[in-house]
Amino acid sequence: MPDTRDLLEELESLELEEEPTEGERGRMEAIRKLREEVSGFEDGVQLITEDESEDYFRELAFDVGYMNNDNQLEYYVDWKRWAEDCLMDYTSIEFDGETYYYQEG
């Protein structure tokens, strides 16, 4: 799951190249476009793929206190459904040939 701060760092590194390759120029353009479309890009936005969403939202449930490590209920939770429901509050965007989800700030 990329964080936009990592992508910003990558962009800054690529911009230092004296003669970037065609692939590097394409990557810079893709990151720049993403930066324009995602609010809070410089502050850090977590980009989540649908494949990673179940694990991401399961960890989030523990991080925010919905579940705790002593709670056996986690085995009864339909985490796939939980992730699908959580994604309703997220915006999708295409980047690098993949669909990512992020929460607008």
C-alpha atoms as a PDB file:
ATOM      1  CA  MET A   1       0.000   0.000   0.000  1.00  0.00           C
ATOM      2  CA  PRO A   2       1.755   3.108  -1.118  1.00  0.00           C
ATOM      3  CA  ASP A   3       1.672   6.253   0.932  1.00  0.00           C
ATOM      4  CA  THR A   4       1.650   9.464  -1.086  1.00  0.00           C
ATOM      5  CA  ARG A   5       4.632  10.788   0.876  1.00  0.00           C
ATOM      6  CA  ASP A   6       6.671   7.880  -0.498  1.00  0.00           C
ATOM      7  CA  LEU A   7       5.468   8.712  -3.998  1.00  0.00           C
ATOM      8  CA  LEU A   8       6.390  12.362  -3.466  1.00  0.00           C
ATOM      9  CA  GLU A   9       9.877  11.306  -2.397  1.00  0.00           C
ATOM     10  CA  GLU A  10      10.128   9.103  -5.503  1.00  0.00           C
ATOM     11  CA  LEU A  11       9.025  12.018  -7.701  1.00  0.00           C
ATOM     12  CA  GLU A  12      11.608  14.342  -6.167  1.00  0.00           C
ATOM     13  CA  SER A  13      14.306  11.742  -6.758  1.00  0.00           C
ATOM     14  CA  LEU A  14      13.248  11.226 -10.378  1.00  0.00           C
ATOM     15  CA  GLU A  15      13.206  14.969 -10.997  1.00  0.00           C
ATOM     16  CA  LEU A  16      16.918  15.080 -10.084  1.00  0.00           C
ATOM     17  CA  GLU A  17      17.758  12.837 -13.034  1.00  0.00           C
ATOM     18  CA  GLU A  18      19.565  14.848 -15.726  1.00  0.00           C
ATOM     19  CA  GLU A  19      18.276  12.706 -18.566  1.00  0.00           C
ATOM     20  CA  PRO A  20      15.339  10.613 -17.361  1.00  0.00           C
ATOM     21  CA  THR A  21      14.371   7.586 -19.406  1.00  0.00           C
ATOM     22  CA  GLU A  22      10.996   7.393 -21.106  1.00  0.00           C
ATOM     23  CA  GLY A  23       9.787   5.129 -18.310  1.00  0.00           C
ATOM     24  CA  GLU A  24      10.962   7.571 -15.660  1.00  0.00           C
ATOM     25  CA  ARG A  25       9.249  10.458 -17.454  1.00  0.00           C
ATOM     26  CA  GLY A  26       6.032   8.427 -17.576  1.00  0.00           C
ATOM     27  CA  ARG A  27       6.284   7.617 -13.890  1.00  0.00           C
ATOM     28  CA  MET A  28       6.867  11.291 -13.021  1.00  0.00           C
ATOM     29  CA  GLU A  29       3.830  12.318 -15.051  1.00  0.00           C
ATOM     30  CA  ALA A  30       1.672   9.652 -13.383  1.00  0.00           C
ATOM     31  CA  ILE A  31       2.717  10.783  -9.897  1.00  0.00           C
ATOM     32  CA  ARG A  32       2.174  14.451 -10.783  1.00  0.00           C
ATOM     33  CA  LYS A  33      -1.319  13.674 -12.071  1.00  0.00           C
ATOM     34  CA  LEU A  34      -2.096  11.732  -8.910  1.00  0.00           C
ATOM     35  CA  ARG A  35      -0.818  14.638  -6.801  1.00  0.00           C
ATOM     36  CA  GLU A  36      -3.238  16.986  -8.572  1.00  0.00           C
ATOM     37  CA  GLU A  37      -6.209  14.681  -8.013  1.00  0.00           C
ATOM     38  CA  VAL A  38      -5.651  13.583  -4.406  1.00  0.00           C
ATOM     39  CA  SER A  39      -6.192  16.250  -1.778  1.00  0.00           C
ATOM     40  CA  GLY A  40      -3.706  16.086   1.078  1.00  0.00           C
ATOM     41  CA  PHE A  41      -1.116  14.351  -1.106  1.00  0.00           C
ATOM     42  CA  GLU A  42       1.830  16.133   0.548  1.00  0.00           C
ATOM     43  CA  ASP A  43       0.501  15.365   4.039  1.00  0.00           C
ATOM     44  CA  GLY A  44       0.309  11.643   3.326  1.00  0.00           C
ATOM     45  CA  VAL A  45      -2.622   9.647   2.042  1.00  0.00           C
ATOM     46  CA  GLN A  46      -2.723   5.864   2.263  1.00  0.00           C
ATOM     47  CA  LEU A  47      -3.627   4.247  -1.063  1.00  0.00           C
ATOM     48  CA  ILE A  48      -5.333   0.874  -0.696  1.00  0.00           C
ATOM     49  CA  THR A  49      -6.032  -1.706  -3.377  1.00  0.00           C
ATOM     50  CA  GLU A  50      -9.206  -3.756  -3.199  1.00  0.00           C
ATOM     51  CA  ASP A  51      -7.069  -6.875  -2.672  1.00  0.00           C
ATOM     52  CA  GLU A  52      -5.439  -5.283   0.381  1.00  0.00           C
ATOM     53  CA  SER A  53      -8.613  -3.745   1.778  1.00  0.00           C
ATOM     54  CA  GLU A  54      -9.685  -6.662   3.969  1.00  0.00           C
ATOM     55  CA  ASP A  55      -6.368  -6.730   5.852  1.00  0.00           C
ATOM     56  CA  TYR A  56      -6.206  -2.931   6.005  1.00  0.00           C
ATOM     57  CA  PHE A  57      -9.677  -2.518   7.512  1.00  0.00           C
ATOM     58  CA  ARG A  58      -9.194  -5.453   9.903  1.00  0.00           C
ATOM     59  CA  GLU A  59      -6.075  -3.751  11.287  1.00  0.00           C
ATOM     60  CA  LEU A  60      -7.954  -0.460  11.420  1.00  0.00           C
ATOM     61  CA  ALA A  61     -10.728  -2.056  13.499  1.00  0.00           C
ATOM     62  CA  PHE A  62      -8.124  -3.049  16.092  1.00  0.00           C
ATOM     63  CA  ASP A  63      -6.242   0.263  15.883  1.00  0.00           C
ATOM     64  CA  VAL A  64      -9.328   2.364  16.610  1.00  0.00           C
ATOM     65  CA  GLY A  65     -10.555   0.035  19.361  1.00  0.00           C
ATOM     66  CA  TYR A  66     -13.523  -1.672  17.670  1.00  0.00           C
ATOM     67  CA  MET A  67     -11.790  -4.966  18.440  1.00  0.00           C
ATOM     68  CA  ASN A  68      -9.065  -5.913  20.892  1.00  0.00           C
ATOM     69  CA  ASN A  69      -6.618  -8.796  21.037  1.00  0.00           C
ATOM     70  CA  ASP A  70      -8.506 -10.419  23.919  1.00  0.00           C
ATOM     71  CA  ASN A  71     -11.755 -10.468  21.963  1.00  0.00           C
ATOM     72  CA  GLN A  72     -12.642 -13.775  20.311  1.00  0.00           C
ATOM     73  CA  LEU A  73     -15.354 -12.076  18.243  1.00  0.00           C
ATOM     74  CA  GLU A  74     -12.869 -11.397  15.470  1.00  0.00           C
ATOM     75  CA  TYR A  75     -13.368 -14.975  14.279  1.00  0.00           C
ATOM     76  CA  TYR A  76     -17.058 -14.278  13.712  1.00  0.00           C
ATOM     77  CA  VAL A  77     -16.631 -11.048  11.787  1.00  0.00           C
ATOM     78  CA  ASP A  78     -17.084 -11.184   8.031  1.00  0.00           C
ATOM     79  CA  TRP A  79     -13.970  -9.117   7.289  1.00  0.00           C
ATOM     80  CA  LYS A  80     -14.592  -9.134   3.559  1.00  0.00           C
ATOM     81  CA  ARG A  81     -18.011  -7.562   4.090  1.00  0.00           C
ATOM     82  CA  TRP A  82     -16.539  -5.133   6.648  1.00  0.00           C
ATOM     83  CA  ALA A  83     -13.962  -4.004   4.060  1.00  0.00           C
ATOM     84  CA  GLU A  84     -16.626  -3.623   1.354  1.00  0.00           C
ATOM     85  CA  ASP A  85     -18.747  -1.494   3.679  1.00  0.00           C
ATOM     86  CA  CYS A  86     -15.754   0.648   4.689  1.00  0.00           C
ATOM     87  CA  LEU A  87     -14.811   1.248   1.054  1.00  0.00           C
ATOM     88  CA  MET A  88     -18.121   3.075   0.549  1.00  0.00           C
ATOM     89  CA  ASP A  89     -16.515   6.024   2.390  1.00  0.00           C
ATOM     90  CA  TYR A  90     -13.453   5.994   0.136  1.00  0.00           C
ATOM     91  CA  THR A  91     -12.771   7.442  -3.302  1.00  0.00           C
ATOM     92  CA  SER A  92     -11.306   5.316  -6.070  1.00  0.00           C
ATOM     93  CA  ILE A  93      -8.568   6.434  -8.434  1.00  0.00           C
ATOM     94  CA  GLU A  94      -6.558   4.767 -11.172  1.00  0.00           C
ATOM     95  CA  PHE A  95      -2.799   4.838 -10.751  1.00  0.00           C
ATOM     96  CA  ASP A  96      -0.059   2.732 -12.247  1.00  0.00           C
ATOM     97  CA  GLY A  97      -2.554   0.389 -13.910  1.00  0.00           C
ATOM     98  CA  GLU A  98      -4.411  -0.380 -10.687  1.00  0.00           C
ATOM     99  CA  THR A  99      -7.442   0.942  -8.843  1.00  0.00           C
ATOM    100  CA  TYR A 100      -6.630   2.443  -5.453  1.00  0.00           C
ATOM    101  CA  TYR A 101      -8.932   3.720  -2.732  1.00  0.00           C
ATOM    102  CA  TYR A 102      -8.248   6.615  -0.423  1.00  0.00           C
ATOM    103  CA  GLN A 103     -10.141   8.659   2.095  1.00  0.00           C
ATOM    104  CA  GLU A 104     -10.505  12.290   1.210  1.00  0.00           C
ATOM    105  CA  GLY A 105      -9.384  14.702   3.872  1.00  0.00           C
END
